[in-house]
């Protein structure tokens, strides 16, 4: 189907910062935003996971799946659509996620929930796939933003090392910077393959990239 490329403009910039207006302008004219609305996805981020799945086949055979930073639920929709074997699908986020059939939704801070007995009961003891699309609000300093997300990914990766079934996968978003190599090195110690990947749906001017860690070797790997 042919779609006319008609640029939309922010109707009013009153009360908005320049950066906010620029973001809204880009968002209004984003092809992935249009495609998400057309396909019924809750977020344009759905297309990032679709591309990751197409390239790496992470959902094949996955029965127990945890999605960290799941709001508003775009990745959960893709998992439900593509992971036919999924038995237990858990989504976690600080924000409330609108109900989704067949999905256990938990609102809270994942770093705190890891120590919570109730969360442990709701989350399968052994997982086949852990996804993390967590995005922190920017503090305005790229270096600090980078360190914050890397520290979070380290924690999520350590959780993955203690809960993943052998041969299974871990996917996490982070921001490119000086600390990302340390995360990659840790992943390479515990997974058969670990690399960074930037989906086409990620904004070109964004430092966002994804850690793709495939084939968990087991807790005793070195």
N, C-alpha and C. Protein backbone atom coordinates (compact mmCIF):
# COMPACT_ATOMS: atom_id res chain seq x y z
N UNK A 1 0.84 -1.19 0.00
CA UNK A 1 0.00 0.00 0.00
C UNK A 1 0.87 1.24 0.00
N UNK A 2 0.54 2.20 -0.85
CA UNK A 2 1.34 3.42 -0.94
C UNK A 2 0.82 4.44 0.06
N UNK A 3 1.72 4.98 0.84
CA UNK A 3 1.35 6.00 1.83
C UNK A 3 2.05 7.29 1.48
N UNK A 4 1.31 8.36 1.43
CA UNK A 4 1.93 9.65 1.15
C UNK A 4 2.77 10.10 2.34
N UNK A 5 3.93 10.61 2.06
CA UNK A 5 4.83 11.07 3.11
C UNK A 5 4.53 12.54 3.42
N UNK A 6 3.52 12.77 4.27
CA UNK A 6 3.11 14.12 4.62
C UNK A 6 3.68 14.47 5.98
N UNK A 7 4.53 15.44 6.03
CA UNK A 7 5.16 15.83 7.29
C UNK A 7 4.13 16.47 8.22
N UNK A 8 4.15 16.05 9.49
CA UNK A 8 3.29 16.67 10.48
C UNK A 8 4.12 17.58 11.37
N UNK A 9 3.49 18.63 11.82
CA UNK A 9 4.18 19.58 12.69
C UNK A 9 3.49 19.65 14.04
N UNK A 10 4.27 19.94 15.07
CA UNK A 10 3.72 20.13 16.40
C UNK A 10 2.85 21.38 16.37
N UNK A 11 1.58 21.27 16.75
CA UNK A 11 0.64 22.38 16.61
C UNK A 11 1.02 23.59 17.44
N UNK A 12 1.57 23.34 18.62
CA UNK A 12 2.01 24.47 19.44
C UNK A 12 3.24 24.08 20.25
N UNK A 13 4.16 25.03 20.34
CA UNK A 13 5.38 24.78 21.10
C UNK A 13 5.32 25.48 22.46
N UNK A 14 4.18 26.07 22.73
CA UNK A 14 4.03 26.83 23.99
C UNK A 14 4.28 25.93 25.20
N UNK A 15 5.17 26.36 26.07
CA UNK A 15 5.45 25.63 27.30
C UNK A 15 6.39 24.46 27.12
N UNK A 16 6.87 24.23 25.89
CA UNK A 16 7.76 23.11 25.64
C UNK A 16 9.18 23.61 25.39
N UNK A 17 10.15 22.78 25.79
CA UNK A 17 11.55 23.10 25.49
C UNK A 17 11.82 22.80 24.02
N UNK A 18 12.93 23.33 23.51
CA UNK A 18 13.30 23.09 22.11
C UNK A 18 13.49 21.60 21.86
N UNK A 19 14.18 20.92 22.79
CA UNK A 19 14.43 19.48 22.63
C UNK A 19 13.12 18.70 22.64
N UNK A 20 12.16 19.13 23.46
CA UNK A 20 10.86 18.46 23.53
C UNK A 20 10.11 18.61 22.22
N UNK A 21 10.14 19.81 21.65
CA UNK A 21 9.47 20.05 20.37
C UNK A 21 10.11 19.21 19.27
N UNK A 22 11.44 19.15 19.26
CA UNK A 22 12.15 18.36 18.24
C UNK A 22 11.79 16.89 18.36
N UNK A 23 11.72 16.37 19.61
CA UNK A 23 11.38 14.96 19.82
C UNK A 23 9.97 14.68 19.32
N UNK A 24 9.02 15.56 19.65
CA UNK A 24 7.64 15.38 19.21
C UNK A 24 7.53 15.42 17.69
N UNK A 25 8.28 16.34 17.08
CA UNK A 25 8.27 16.46 15.62
C UNK A 25 8.73 15.16 14.97
N UNK A 26 9.83 14.62 15.50
CA UNK A 26 10.36 13.36 14.97
C UNK A 26 9.38 12.21 15.19
N UNK A 27 8.78 12.20 16.39
CA UNK A 27 7.86 11.12 16.74
C UNK A 27 6.63 11.13 15.83
N UNK A 28 6.10 12.31 15.55
CA UNK A 28 4.91 12.42 14.71
C UNK A 28 5.15 11.92 13.29
N UNK A 29 6.40 12.05 12.82
CA UNK A 29 6.73 11.67 11.46
C UNK A 29 7.52 10.36 11.37
N UNK A 30 7.49 9.58 12.44
CA UNK A 30 8.23 8.33 12.51
C UNK A 30 7.43 7.21 11.84
N UNK A 31 8.03 6.56 10.86
CA UNK A 31 7.34 5.49 10.14
C UNK A 31 6.99 4.33 11.06
N UNK A 32 7.84 4.07 12.08
CA UNK A 32 7.57 2.96 12.99
C UNK A 32 6.40 3.26 13.93
N UNK A 33 6.20 4.53 14.25
CA UNK A 33 5.03 4.93 15.05
C UNK A 33 3.77 4.65 14.24
N UNK A 34 3.81 5.00 12.97
CA UNK A 34 2.67 4.76 12.08
C UNK A 34 2.39 3.27 11.92
N UNK A 35 3.47 2.50 11.74
CA UNK A 35 3.33 1.06 11.56
C UNK A 35 2.81 0.39 12.84
N UNK A 36 3.26 0.88 14.00
CA UNK A 36 2.80 0.31 15.26
C UNK A 36 1.30 0.51 15.42
N UNK A 37 0.82 1.70 15.10
CA UNK A 37 -0.61 1.99 15.19
C UNK A 37 -1.40 1.12 14.22
N UNK A 38 -0.87 0.94 13.02
CA UNK A 38 -1.54 0.15 11.99
C UNK A 38 -1.63 -1.32 12.39
N UNK A 39 -0.58 -1.84 13.05
CA UNK A 39 -0.52 -3.26 13.40
C UNK A 39 -1.02 -3.56 14.81
N UNK A 40 -1.46 -2.53 15.52
CA UNK A 40 -2.02 -2.74 16.84
C UNK A 40 -1.00 -2.94 17.94
N UNK A 41 0.26 -2.55 17.70
CA UNK A 41 1.28 -2.66 18.73
C UNK A 41 1.22 -1.45 19.67
N UNK A 42 1.49 -1.69 20.92
CA UNK A 42 1.44 -0.62 21.91
C UNK A 42 2.62 0.35 21.81
N UNK A 43 3.68 -0.05 21.13
CA UNK A 43 4.88 0.77 21.06
C UNK A 43 5.64 0.50 19.76
N UNK A 44 6.34 1.54 19.27
CA UNK A 44 7.22 1.37 18.11
C UNK A 44 8.37 0.41 18.43
N UNK A 45 8.66 0.23 19.73
CA UNK A 45 9.74 -0.66 20.15
C UNK A 45 9.47 -2.11 19.76
N UNK A 46 8.22 -2.43 19.46
CA UNK A 46 7.89 -3.79 19.02
C UNK A 46 8.73 -4.19 17.82
N UNK A 47 9.02 -3.22 16.94
CA UNK A 47 9.76 -3.53 15.72
C UNK A 47 11.23 -3.82 15.99
N UNK A 48 11.74 -3.33 17.11
CA UNK A 48 13.11 -3.66 17.50
C UNK A 48 13.20 -5.15 17.86
N UNK A 49 12.23 -5.62 18.64
CA UNK A 49 12.23 -7.03 19.02
C UNK A 49 11.93 -7.92 17.82
N UNK A 50 11.06 -7.48 16.94
CA UNK A 50 10.77 -8.26 15.74
C UNK A 50 12.03 -8.46 14.90
N UNK A 51 12.85 -7.41 14.80
CA UNK A 51 14.09 -7.51 14.04
C UNK A 51 15.10 -8.40 14.74
N UNK A 52 15.18 -8.28 16.06
CA UNK A 52 16.08 -9.14 16.84
C UNK A 52 15.68 -10.60 16.68
N UNK A 53 14.38 -10.87 16.75
CA UNK A 53 13.88 -12.23 16.59
C UNK A 53 14.16 -12.77 15.19
N UNK A 54 13.96 -11.95 14.18
CA UNK A 54 14.20 -12.38 12.80
C UNK A 54 15.67 -12.76 12.58
N UNK A 55 16.56 -12.01 13.21
CA UNK A 55 17.99 -12.23 13.01
C UNK A 55 18.56 -13.33 13.90
N UNK A 56 18.07 -13.44 15.14
CA UNK A 56 18.70 -14.34 16.12
C UNK A 56 17.81 -15.49 16.60
N UNK A 57 16.54 -15.48 16.27
CA UNK A 57 15.64 -16.59 16.62
C UNK A 57 15.66 -16.89 18.12
N UNK A 58 15.52 -15.85 18.93
CA UNK A 58 15.63 -16.01 20.38
C UNK A 58 14.38 -16.62 21.01
N UNK A 59 13.24 -16.56 20.32
CA UNK A 59 11.98 -17.03 20.89
C UNK A 59 11.71 -18.50 20.60
N UNK A 60 12.48 -19.09 19.74
CA UNK A 60 12.27 -20.49 19.36
C UNK A 60 12.44 -21.40 20.58
N UNK A 61 11.39 -22.16 20.90
CA UNK A 61 11.45 -23.10 22.01
C UNK A 61 11.39 -22.49 23.39
N UNK A 62 11.21 -21.17 23.49
CA UNK A 62 11.18 -20.51 24.80
C UNK A 62 9.82 -20.71 25.47
N UNK A 63 9.82 -21.25 26.67
CA UNK A 63 8.58 -21.51 27.41
C UNK A 63 8.40 -20.54 28.57
N UNK A 64 9.49 -20.22 29.26
CA UNK A 64 9.45 -19.34 30.43
C UNK A 64 10.23 -18.07 30.11
N UNK A 65 9.50 -16.95 30.03
CA UNK A 65 10.10 -15.70 29.54
C UNK A 65 9.82 -14.56 30.51
N UNK A 66 10.85 -13.76 30.78
CA UNK A 66 10.74 -12.57 31.62
C UNK A 66 11.09 -11.34 30.80
N UNK A 67 10.19 -10.34 30.81
CA UNK A 67 10.40 -9.08 30.11
C UNK A 67 10.53 -7.97 31.16
N UNK A 68 11.73 -7.42 31.29
CA UNK A 68 12.01 -6.37 32.27
C UNK A 68 11.90 -5.01 31.58
N UNK A 69 11.20 -4.08 32.21
CA UNK A 69 10.97 -2.79 31.58
C UNK A 69 9.95 -2.94 30.47
N UNK A 70 8.88 -3.67 30.77
CA UNK A 70 7.94 -4.13 29.75
C UNK A 70 6.91 -3.10 29.30
N UNK A 71 6.68 -2.05 30.09
CA UNK A 71 5.66 -1.06 29.72
C UNK A 71 6.05 -0.34 28.42
N UNK A 72 5.07 -0.05 27.57
CA UNK A 72 3.62 -0.28 27.72
C UNK A 72 3.15 -1.67 27.29
N UNK A 73 4.08 -2.52 26.84
CA UNK A 73 3.72 -3.88 26.51
C UNK A 73 3.98 -4.30 25.08
N UNK A 74 4.69 -3.46 24.32
CA UNK A 74 4.98 -3.78 22.92
C UNK A 74 5.77 -5.05 22.73
N UNK A 75 6.77 -5.26 23.57
CA UNK A 75 7.58 -6.48 23.46
C UNK A 75 6.77 -7.70 23.89
N UNK A 76 5.92 -7.54 24.89
CA UNK A 76 5.07 -8.65 25.33
C UNK A 76 4.15 -9.09 24.20
N UNK A 77 3.65 -8.13 23.43
CA UNK A 77 2.79 -8.47 22.30
C UNK A 77 3.54 -9.31 21.27
N UNK A 78 4.77 -8.92 20.99
CA UNK A 78 5.58 -9.67 20.02
C UNK A 78 5.85 -11.08 20.53
N UNK A 79 6.18 -11.20 21.81
CA UNK A 79 6.45 -12.52 22.40
C UNK A 79 5.22 -13.41 22.28
N UNK A 80 4.05 -12.87 22.62
CA UNK A 80 2.81 -13.64 22.52
C UNK A 80 2.54 -14.07 21.08
N UNK A 81 2.90 -13.20 20.15
CA UNK A 81 2.66 -13.46 18.74
C UNK A 81 3.62 -14.50 18.16
N UNK A 82 4.88 -14.46 18.61
CA UNK A 82 5.93 -15.28 17.99
C UNK A 82 6.33 -16.52 18.79
N UNK A 83 6.17 -16.47 20.11
CA UNK A 83 6.61 -17.60 20.95
C UNK A 83 5.44 -18.54 21.20
N UNK A 84 5.23 -19.44 20.28
CA UNK A 84 4.08 -20.35 20.37
C UNK A 84 4.16 -21.31 21.54
N UNK A 85 5.38 -21.56 22.04
CA UNK A 85 5.55 -22.51 23.14
C UNK A 85 5.51 -21.86 24.52
N UNK A 86 5.37 -20.53 24.55
CA UNK A 86 5.43 -19.82 25.83
C UNK A 86 4.34 -20.29 26.79
N UNK A 87 4.75 -20.70 27.97
CA UNK A 87 3.83 -21.15 29.00
C UNK A 87 3.72 -20.09 30.09
N UNK A 88 4.86 -19.56 30.49
CA UNK A 88 4.92 -18.53 31.53
C UNK A 88 5.56 -17.27 30.95
N UNK A 89 4.79 -16.20 30.88
CA UNK A 89 5.29 -14.92 30.38
C UNK A 89 5.04 -13.87 31.45
N UNK A 90 6.14 -13.29 31.96
CA UNK A 90 6.06 -12.32 33.04
C UNK A 90 6.62 -10.98 32.57
N UNK A 91 5.86 -9.91 32.79
CA UNK A 91 6.31 -8.56 32.45
C UNK A 91 6.45 -7.71 33.69
N UNK A 92 7.58 -7.00 33.81
CA UNK A 92 7.85 -6.18 35.00
C UNK A 92 8.15 -4.74 34.57
N UNK A 93 7.62 -3.79 35.30
CA UNK A 93 7.94 -2.39 35.04
C UNK A 93 7.55 -1.54 36.23
N UNK A 94 8.24 -0.40 36.37
CA UNK A 94 7.87 0.57 37.41
C UNK A 94 6.48 1.13 37.14
N UNK A 95 6.15 1.30 35.87
CA UNK A 95 4.85 1.81 35.48
C UNK A 95 3.83 0.68 35.39
N UNK A 96 2.57 1.05 35.53
CA UNK A 96 1.50 0.07 35.40
C UNK A 96 1.34 -0.32 33.94
N UNK A 97 1.24 -1.61 33.67
CA UNK A 97 1.03 -2.11 32.31
C UNK A 97 -0.42 -2.53 32.18
N UNK A 98 -1.07 -2.09 31.12
CA UNK A 98 -2.46 -2.48 30.90
C UNK A 98 -2.54 -4.00 30.75
N UNK A 99 -3.56 -4.61 31.36
CA UNK A 99 -3.70 -6.08 31.35
C UNK A 99 -3.56 -6.68 29.96
N UNK A 100 -2.96 -7.87 29.92
CA UNK A 100 -2.77 -8.59 28.68
C UNK A 100 -3.04 -10.07 28.96
N UNK A 101 -3.92 -10.65 28.20
CA UNK A 101 -4.32 -12.04 28.44
C UNK A 101 -3.12 -12.99 28.37
N UNK A 102 -3.02 -13.86 29.37
CA UNK A 102 -1.97 -14.86 29.39
C UNK A 102 -0.62 -14.35 29.86
N UNK A 103 -0.59 -13.12 30.40
CA UNK A 103 0.67 -12.53 30.86
C UNK A 103 0.55 -12.14 32.32
N UNK A 104 1.55 -12.52 33.13
CA UNK A 104 1.62 -12.08 34.52
C UNK A 104 2.34 -10.74 34.56
N UNK A 105 1.66 -9.70 35.05
CA UNK A 105 2.22 -8.36 35.07
C UNK A 105 2.53 -7.95 36.51
N UNK A 106 3.74 -7.44 36.71
CA UNK A 106 4.18 -7.04 38.05
C UNK A 106 4.69 -5.61 37.99
N UNK A 107 4.15 -4.76 38.85
CA UNK A 107 4.60 -3.37 38.91
C UNK A 107 5.59 -3.20 40.06
N UNK A 108 6.78 -2.71 39.75
CA UNK A 108 7.78 -2.51 40.78
C UNK A 108 9.17 -2.34 40.20
N UNK A 109 10.11 -2.05 41.07
CA UNK A 109 11.52 -1.88 40.71
C UNK A 109 12.17 -3.26 40.64
N UNK A 110 12.65 -3.64 39.46
CA UNK A 110 13.19 -4.98 39.29
C UNK A 110 14.35 -5.26 40.24
N UNK A 111 15.20 -4.27 40.49
CA UNK A 111 16.35 -4.47 41.38
C UNK A 111 15.89 -4.82 42.80
N UNK A 112 14.75 -4.27 43.20
CA UNK A 112 14.20 -4.60 44.51
C UNK A 112 13.42 -5.91 44.46
N UNK A 113 12.72 -6.13 43.35
CA UNK A 113 11.92 -7.34 43.22
C UNK A 113 12.76 -8.61 43.24
N UNK A 114 14.01 -8.51 42.78
CA UNK A 114 14.88 -9.68 42.76
C UNK A 114 15.04 -10.28 44.15
N UNK A 115 14.87 -9.45 45.18
CA UNK A 115 15.02 -9.91 46.56
C UNK A 115 13.68 -10.22 47.22
N UNK A 116 12.59 -10.08 46.46
CA UNK A 116 11.25 -10.23 47.01
C UNK A 116 10.74 -11.66 46.84
N UNK A 117 10.30 -12.28 47.92
CA UNK A 117 9.84 -13.67 47.88
C UNK A 117 8.61 -13.83 46.99
N UNK A 118 7.72 -12.83 47.01
CA UNK A 118 6.52 -12.90 46.21
C UNK A 118 6.85 -12.91 44.73
N UNK A 119 7.84 -12.11 44.33
CA UNK A 119 8.27 -12.07 42.93
C UNK A 119 8.87 -13.42 42.52
N UNK A 120 9.66 -13.98 43.41
CA UNK A 120 10.29 -15.27 43.12
C UNK A 120 9.22 -16.34 42.89
N UNK A 121 8.10 -16.25 43.62
CA UNK A 121 7.02 -17.21 43.45
C UNK A 121 6.32 -17.03 42.12
N UNK A 122 6.16 -15.78 41.68
CA UNK A 122 5.47 -15.49 40.43
C UNK A 122 6.34 -15.76 39.21
N UNK A 123 7.65 -15.60 39.38
CA UNK A 123 8.59 -15.78 38.27
C UNK A 123 9.13 -17.20 38.28
N UNK A 124 9.09 -17.91 37.15
CA UNK A 124 9.63 -19.28 37.11
C UNK A 124 11.05 -19.35 37.62
N UNK A 125 11.37 -20.42 38.34
CA UNK A 125 12.71 -20.58 38.90
C UNK A 125 13.78 -20.59 37.82
N UNK A 126 13.49 -21.25 36.70
CA UNK A 126 14.42 -21.31 35.59
C UNK A 126 13.77 -20.72 34.35
N UNK A 127 14.49 -19.84 33.68
CA UNK A 127 13.94 -19.12 32.55
C UNK A 127 14.63 -19.50 31.25
N UNK A 128 13.90 -19.37 30.15
CA UNK A 128 14.45 -19.65 28.84
C UNK A 128 14.90 -18.38 28.12
N UNK A 129 14.34 -17.25 28.52
CA UNK A 129 14.67 -15.99 27.88
C UNK A 129 14.41 -14.83 28.82
N UNK A 130 15.39 -13.95 28.93
CA UNK A 130 15.23 -12.72 29.70
C UNK A 130 15.44 -11.55 28.76
N UNK A 131 14.45 -10.67 28.70
CA UNK A 131 14.51 -9.47 27.87
C UNK A 131 14.55 -8.25 28.77
N UNK A 132 15.36 -7.27 28.43
CA UNK A 132 15.39 -6.02 29.19
C UNK A 132 15.44 -4.84 28.22
N UNK A 133 14.33 -4.11 28.18
CA UNK A 133 14.26 -2.91 27.35
C UNK A 133 14.09 -1.68 28.24
N UNK A 134 14.71 -1.74 29.41
CA UNK A 134 14.62 -0.66 30.40
C UNK A 134 15.22 0.62 29.84
N UNK A 135 14.52 1.72 30.07
CA UNK A 135 15.01 3.04 29.65
C UNK A 135 14.84 4.01 30.82
N UNK A 136 15.95 4.54 31.31
CA UNK A 136 15.89 5.52 32.39
C UNK A 136 15.61 6.91 31.83
N UNK A 137 14.95 7.74 32.62
CA UNK A 137 14.80 9.14 32.22
C UNK A 137 16.17 9.79 32.19
N UNK A 138 16.46 10.50 31.11
CA UNK A 138 17.77 11.14 30.98
C UNK A 138 17.96 12.24 32.02
N UNK A 139 19.17 12.28 32.59
CA UNK A 139 19.49 13.34 33.55
C UNK A 139 20.12 14.53 32.86
N UNK A 140 20.36 14.42 31.54
CA UNK A 140 20.97 15.51 30.78
C UNK A 140 22.46 15.35 30.59
N UNK A 141 23.04 14.37 31.26
CA UNK A 141 24.47 14.10 31.13
C UNK A 141 24.63 12.71 30.52
N UNK A 142 25.11 12.64 29.29
CA UNK A 142 25.20 11.37 28.58
C UNK A 142 26.06 10.34 29.30
N UNK A 143 27.15 10.82 29.93
CA UNK A 143 28.05 9.91 30.63
C UNK A 143 27.35 9.25 31.82
N UNK A 144 26.58 10.05 32.57
CA UNK A 144 25.85 9.51 33.72
C UNK A 144 24.75 8.56 33.26
N UNK A 145 24.04 8.96 32.20
CA UNK A 145 22.99 8.09 31.65
C UNK A 145 23.58 6.73 31.25
N UNK A 146 24.74 6.77 30.63
CA UNK A 146 25.41 5.54 30.19
C UNK A 146 25.76 4.65 31.37
N UNK A 147 26.34 5.23 32.40
CA UNK A 147 26.76 4.45 33.57
C UNK A 147 25.54 3.84 34.27
N UNK A 148 24.46 4.59 34.37
CA UNK A 148 23.25 4.10 35.04
C UNK A 148 22.68 2.86 34.34
N UNK A 149 22.56 2.93 33.02
CA UNK A 149 21.98 1.80 32.30
C UNK A 149 22.93 0.61 32.29
N UNK A 150 24.24 0.87 32.23
CA UNK A 150 25.21 -0.23 32.25
C UNK A 150 25.16 -0.95 33.60
N UNK A 151 25.08 -0.20 34.68
CA UNK A 151 24.99 -0.82 36.00
C UNK A 151 23.74 -1.67 36.12
N UNK A 152 22.65 -1.18 35.54
CA UNK A 152 21.41 -1.97 35.57
C UNK A 152 21.56 -3.26 34.77
N UNK A 153 22.15 -3.16 33.59
CA UNK A 153 22.34 -4.34 32.74
C UNK A 153 23.24 -5.36 33.42
N UNK A 154 24.28 -4.87 34.14
CA UNK A 154 25.13 -5.78 34.91
C UNK A 154 24.28 -6.59 35.90
N UNK A 155 23.38 -5.91 36.63
CA UNK A 155 22.53 -6.58 37.60
C UNK A 155 21.60 -7.58 36.92
N UNK A 156 21.01 -7.16 35.80
CA UNK A 156 20.11 -8.05 35.06
C UNK A 156 20.86 -9.25 34.51
N UNK A 157 22.09 -9.02 34.06
CA UNK A 157 22.91 -10.11 33.52
C UNK A 157 23.29 -11.11 34.62
N UNK A 158 23.62 -10.61 35.78
CA UNK A 158 23.93 -11.50 36.91
C UNK A 158 22.70 -12.31 37.30
N UNK A 159 21.52 -11.68 37.24
CA UNK A 159 20.27 -12.40 37.50
C UNK A 159 20.08 -13.49 36.45
N UNK A 160 20.37 -13.17 35.20
CA UNK A 160 20.25 -14.14 34.12
C UNK A 160 21.17 -15.33 34.34
N UNK A 161 22.38 -15.06 34.78
CA UNK A 161 23.36 -16.13 35.01
C UNK A 161 22.87 -17.10 36.10
N UNK A 162 22.08 -16.59 37.03
CA UNK A 162 21.61 -17.43 38.13
C UNK A 162 20.26 -18.10 37.84
N UNK A 163 19.57 -17.67 36.77
CA UNK A 163 18.21 -18.19 36.55
C UNK A 163 17.97 -18.81 35.17
N UNK A 164 18.84 -18.59 34.20
CA UNK A 164 18.60 -19.11 32.85
C UNK A 164 18.87 -20.61 32.77
N UNK A 165 18.09 -21.27 31.96
CA UNK A 165 18.37 -22.66 31.61
C UNK A 165 19.54 -22.69 30.64
N UNK A 166 20.35 -23.75 30.67
CA UNK A 166 21.47 -23.86 29.72
C UNK A 166 20.99 -23.76 28.28
N UNK A 167 21.76 -23.06 27.47
CA UNK A 167 21.44 -22.91 26.07
C UNK A 167 20.49 -21.79 25.74
N UNK A 168 20.02 -21.07 26.78
CA UNK A 168 19.01 -20.04 26.56
C UNK A 168 19.64 -18.64 26.48
N UNK A 169 18.80 -17.59 26.39
CA UNK A 169 19.30 -16.29 25.92
C UNK A 169 18.95 -15.10 26.83
N UNK A 170 19.76 -14.04 26.68
CA UNK A 170 19.58 -12.79 27.42
C UNK A 170 19.75 -11.62 26.45
N UNK A 171 18.78 -10.72 26.43
CA UNK A 171 18.81 -9.55 25.55
C UNK A 171 18.59 -8.31 26.40
N UNK A 172 19.45 -7.29 26.25
CA UNK A 172 19.29 -6.09 27.06
C UNK A 172 19.73 -4.83 26.31
N UNK A 173 18.94 -3.78 26.50
CA UNK A 173 19.28 -2.49 25.92
C UNK A 173 20.25 -1.74 26.82
N UNK A 174 21.22 -1.08 26.20
CA UNK A 174 22.09 -0.16 26.93
C UNK A 174 22.48 0.99 26.01
N UNK A 175 23.28 1.89 26.51
CA UNK A 175 23.74 3.03 25.74
C UNK A 175 25.24 2.89 25.50
N UNK A 176 25.66 3.14 24.29
CA UNK A 176 27.06 2.99 23.94
C UNK A 176 27.93 3.96 24.73
N UNK A 177 29.08 3.47 25.19
CA UNK A 177 29.98 4.31 25.98
C UNK A 177 31.16 3.50 26.48
N UNK A 178 31.92 4.10 27.37
CA UNK A 178 33.16 3.48 27.82
C UNK A 178 33.01 2.21 28.62
N UNK A 179 31.83 2.00 29.23
CA UNK A 179 31.64 0.85 30.11
C UNK A 179 31.01 -0.35 29.43
N UNK A 180 30.54 -0.19 28.19
CA UNK A 180 29.79 -1.29 27.57
C UNK A 180 30.66 -2.51 27.30
N UNK A 181 31.95 -2.31 27.10
CA UNK A 181 32.85 -3.44 26.83
C UNK A 181 32.92 -4.39 28.03
N UNK A 182 32.81 -3.86 29.25
CA UNK A 182 32.86 -4.70 30.44
C UNK A 182 31.64 -5.63 30.50
N UNK A 183 30.48 -5.10 30.10
CA UNK A 183 29.27 -5.93 30.06
C UNK A 183 29.44 -7.04 29.03
N UNK A 184 29.99 -6.69 27.88
CA UNK A 184 30.19 -7.68 26.82
C UNK A 184 31.15 -8.77 27.26
N UNK A 185 32.21 -8.40 27.97
CA UNK A 185 33.18 -9.38 28.44
C UNK A 185 32.55 -10.37 29.42
N UNK A 186 31.70 -9.86 30.31
CA UNK A 186 31.02 -10.75 31.26
C UNK A 186 30.08 -11.70 30.52
N UNK A 187 29.35 -11.17 29.55
CA UNK A 187 28.44 -12.01 28.77
C UNK A 187 29.20 -13.09 28.02
N UNK A 188 30.36 -12.75 27.47
CA UNK A 188 31.14 -13.73 26.71
C UNK A 188 31.66 -14.86 27.59
N UNK A 189 31.82 -14.61 28.89
CA UNK A 189 32.28 -15.65 29.81
C UNK A 189 31.21 -16.70 30.06
N UNK A 190 29.95 -16.31 29.89
CA UNK A 190 28.86 -17.20 30.28
C UNK A 190 27.96 -17.63 29.14
N UNK A 191 28.16 -17.07 27.95
CA UNK A 191 27.32 -17.42 26.80
C UNK A 191 28.19 -17.83 25.62
N UNK A 192 27.66 -18.71 24.79
CA UNK A 192 28.42 -19.17 23.63
C UNK A 192 28.70 -18.04 22.65
N UNK A 193 27.77 -17.11 22.57
CA UNK A 193 27.93 -15.97 21.65
C UNK A 193 27.39 -14.72 22.32
N UNK A 194 28.13 -13.63 22.26
CA UNK A 194 27.68 -12.36 22.81
C UNK A 194 28.18 -11.23 21.91
N UNK A 195 27.28 -10.34 21.55
CA UNK A 195 27.64 -9.24 20.67
C UNK A 195 26.65 -8.10 20.85
N UNK A 196 26.99 -6.94 20.27
CA UNK A 196 26.06 -5.82 20.28
C UNK A 196 25.34 -5.74 18.94
N UNK A 197 24.12 -5.23 18.99
CA UNK A 197 23.31 -5.13 17.78
C UNK A 197 22.42 -3.89 17.87
N UNK A 198 22.34 -3.13 16.79
CA UNK A 198 21.48 -1.94 16.74
C UNK A 198 20.39 -2.16 15.69
N UNK A 199 19.15 -2.33 16.11
CA UNK A 199 18.06 -2.54 15.15
C UNK A 199 17.81 -1.30 14.30
N UNK A 200 17.26 -1.50 13.13
CA UNK A 200 16.94 -0.38 12.25
C UNK A 200 15.90 0.54 12.88
N UNK A 201 15.06 -0.02 13.74
CA UNK A 201 14.02 0.77 14.39
C UNK A 201 14.56 1.70 15.46
N UNK A 202 15.82 1.53 15.86
CA UNK A 202 16.44 2.47 16.79
C UNK A 202 16.76 3.75 16.02
N UNK A 203 16.58 4.89 16.67
CA UNK A 203 16.89 6.15 16.01
C UNK A 203 18.37 6.19 15.64
N UNK A 204 18.68 6.66 14.45
CA UNK A 204 20.06 6.68 13.96
C UNK A 204 20.97 7.51 14.85
N UNK A 205 20.44 8.60 15.41
CA UNK A 205 21.27 9.49 16.22
C UNK A 205 21.29 9.08 17.70
N UNK A 206 20.70 7.92 18.01
CA UNK A 206 20.69 7.43 19.39
C UNK A 206 21.90 6.54 19.65
N UNK A 207 22.41 6.57 20.87
CA UNK A 207 23.53 5.70 21.25
C UNK A 207 23.02 4.33 21.72
N UNK A 208 21.72 4.12 21.60
CA UNK A 208 21.11 2.86 22.01
C UNK A 208 21.63 1.68 21.21
N UNK A 209 21.90 0.59 21.90
CA UNK A 209 22.24 -0.66 21.26
C UNK A 209 21.85 -1.80 22.19
N UNK A 210 21.82 -3.01 21.65
CA UNK A 210 21.35 -4.16 22.43
C UNK A 210 22.45 -5.20 22.59
N UNK A 211 22.56 -5.71 23.81
CA UNK A 211 23.44 -6.83 24.08
C UNK A 211 22.67 -8.10 23.73
N UNK A 212 23.20 -8.87 22.81
CA UNK A 212 22.60 -10.13 22.41
C UNK A 212 23.50 -11.25 22.94
N UNK A 213 23.04 -11.94 23.98
CA UNK A 213 23.82 -13.02 24.59
C UNK A 213 23.07 -14.33 24.36
N UNK A 214 23.66 -15.20 23.56
CA UNK A 214 22.99 -16.42 23.12
C UNK A 214 23.68 -17.68 23.63
N UNK A 215 22.89 -18.65 24.05
CA UNK A 215 23.43 -19.95 24.45
C UNK A 215 24.13 -19.93 25.79
N UNK A 216 23.35 -19.76 26.86
CA UNK A 216 23.93 -19.75 28.20
C UNK A 216 24.66 -21.05 28.48
N UNK A 217 25.89 -20.95 28.97
CA UNK A 217 26.74 -22.12 29.18
C UNK A 217 26.53 -22.79 30.53
N UNK A 218 25.89 -22.11 31.45
CA UNK A 218 25.68 -22.67 32.78
C UNK A 218 26.37 -21.84 33.84
N UNK A 219 25.92 -21.97 35.07
CA UNK A 219 26.41 -21.14 36.17
C UNK A 219 27.87 -21.38 36.48
N UNK A 220 28.40 -22.52 36.12
CA UNK A 220 29.77 -22.84 36.50
C UNK A 220 30.76 -22.58 35.38
N UNK A 221 30.29 -21.86 34.30
CA UNK A 221 31.21 -21.54 33.21
C UNK A 221 32.19 -20.48 33.68
N UNK A 222 33.36 -20.42 33.07
CA UNK A 222 34.38 -19.45 33.49
C UNK A 222 35.01 -18.80 32.28
